Protein backbone atom coordinates (compact mmCIF):
# COMPACT_ATOMS: atom_id res chain seq x y z
CA MET A 1 -21.77 -51.73 -248.01
CA SER A 2 -19.27 -53.04 -248.70
CA ILE A 3 -16.31 -51.82 -251.78
CA THR A 4 -13.63 -52.05 -253.45
CA PRO A 5 -12.79 -48.46 -254.99
CA ILE A 6 -11.28 -49.12 -258.55
CA SER A 7 -10.84 -45.37 -259.43
CA ALA A 8 -12.30 -42.05 -258.32
CA PRO A 9 -16.23 -41.33 -259.64
CA ARG A 10 -16.99 -39.48 -261.58
CA ARG A 11 -18.51 -36.67 -259.99
CA LEU A 12 -20.06 -34.31 -263.46
CA HIS A 13 -23.08 -37.42 -263.17
CA GLY A 14 -24.11 -37.53 -259.56
CA MET A 15 -24.80 -40.78 -258.62
CA ALA A 16 -26.98 -42.92 -255.77
CA LEU A 17 -25.82 -44.62 -252.91
CA ILE A 18 -28.44 -47.66 -252.22
CA GLY A 19 -27.80 -48.31 -248.62
CA ARG A 20 -28.36 -52.65 -247.02
CA LEU A 21 -32.12 -53.33 -246.17
CA ASP A 22 -33.92 -52.45 -243.37
CA GLU A 23 -31.24 -49.72 -242.56
CA SER A 24 -33.09 -46.74 -241.51
CA ARG A 25 -31.70 -43.06 -242.46
CA ALA A 26 -30.39 -43.01 -239.55
CA GLN A 27 -28.27 -45.65 -240.07
CA SER A 28 -27.27 -45.77 -243.17
CA ARG A 29 -23.98 -43.26 -242.54
CA PHE A 30 -22.48 -45.52 -246.35
CA ASN A 31 -18.62 -44.73 -244.22
CA ASP A 32 -17.57 -47.48 -246.80
CA VAL A 33 -17.95 -45.04 -249.84
CA LEU A 34 -17.06 -41.71 -248.08
CA ASP A 35 -14.01 -43.08 -246.09
CA SER A 36 -12.86 -44.46 -249.98
CA TRP A 37 -13.93 -40.67 -251.79
CA PRO A 38 -13.26 -38.29 -248.97
CA GLN A 39 -14.29 -35.92 -251.62
CA LEU A 40 -18.04 -37.49 -251.86
CA ARG A 41 -20.67 -35.06 -250.18
CA ILE A 42 -23.98 -36.60 -250.10
CA ALA A 43 -27.08 -34.11 -251.41
CA TRP A 44 -29.80 -36.06 -249.99
CA GLN A 45 -31.32 -39.30 -248.03
CA GLN A 46 -34.29 -40.32 -248.64
CA ASN A 47 -36.17 -43.49 -246.48
CA LEU A 48 -37.63 -45.90 -249.39
CA PRO A 49 -40.15 -48.51 -248.82
CA PHE A 50 -38.69 -51.98 -251.51
CA GLN A 51 -40.88 -55.14 -251.86
CA ALA A 52 -38.44 -57.40 -253.95
CA ASP A 53 -41.79 -59.23 -254.73
CA PRO A 54 -45.99 -57.77 -254.15
CA HIS A 55 -46.19 -60.84 -251.78
CA ALA A 56 -43.39 -59.63 -249.59
CA GLU A 57 -43.41 -57.13 -247.11
CA PRO A 58 -42.43 -53.82 -247.17
CA GLN A 59 -38.44 -53.19 -246.15
CA MET A 60 -37.51 -49.74 -245.78
CA LEU A 61 -34.52 -48.61 -247.82
CA CYS A 62 -32.30 -45.50 -247.42
CA VAL A 63 -31.43 -43.91 -251.06
CA ALA A 64 -28.82 -41.20 -250.56
CA PHE A 65 -27.85 -39.12 -254.01
CA VAL A 66 -24.35 -36.88 -254.50
CA ARG A 67 -25.36 -34.01 -256.35
CA PRO A 68 -23.70 -34.16 -260.49
CA GLN A 69 -20.68 -31.46 -260.39
CA PRO A 70 -20.15 -28.73 -263.23
CA HIS A 71 -16.70 -28.68 -264.91
């Protein structure tokens, strides 16, 4: 995953980070995002099966969540 930061993300609402297809939770570190915004903390990660269409084989997809922050 490659991200070019424009500005710091708004932590008030939280965010979801999507890893690369066929990368497990252990492989998806989201370093590009976390290096750019070190104040972010991943609260939870989960591997989910993803199918591009109904006839495709499921592939693993790691999704990580950053909790919303109060004012």
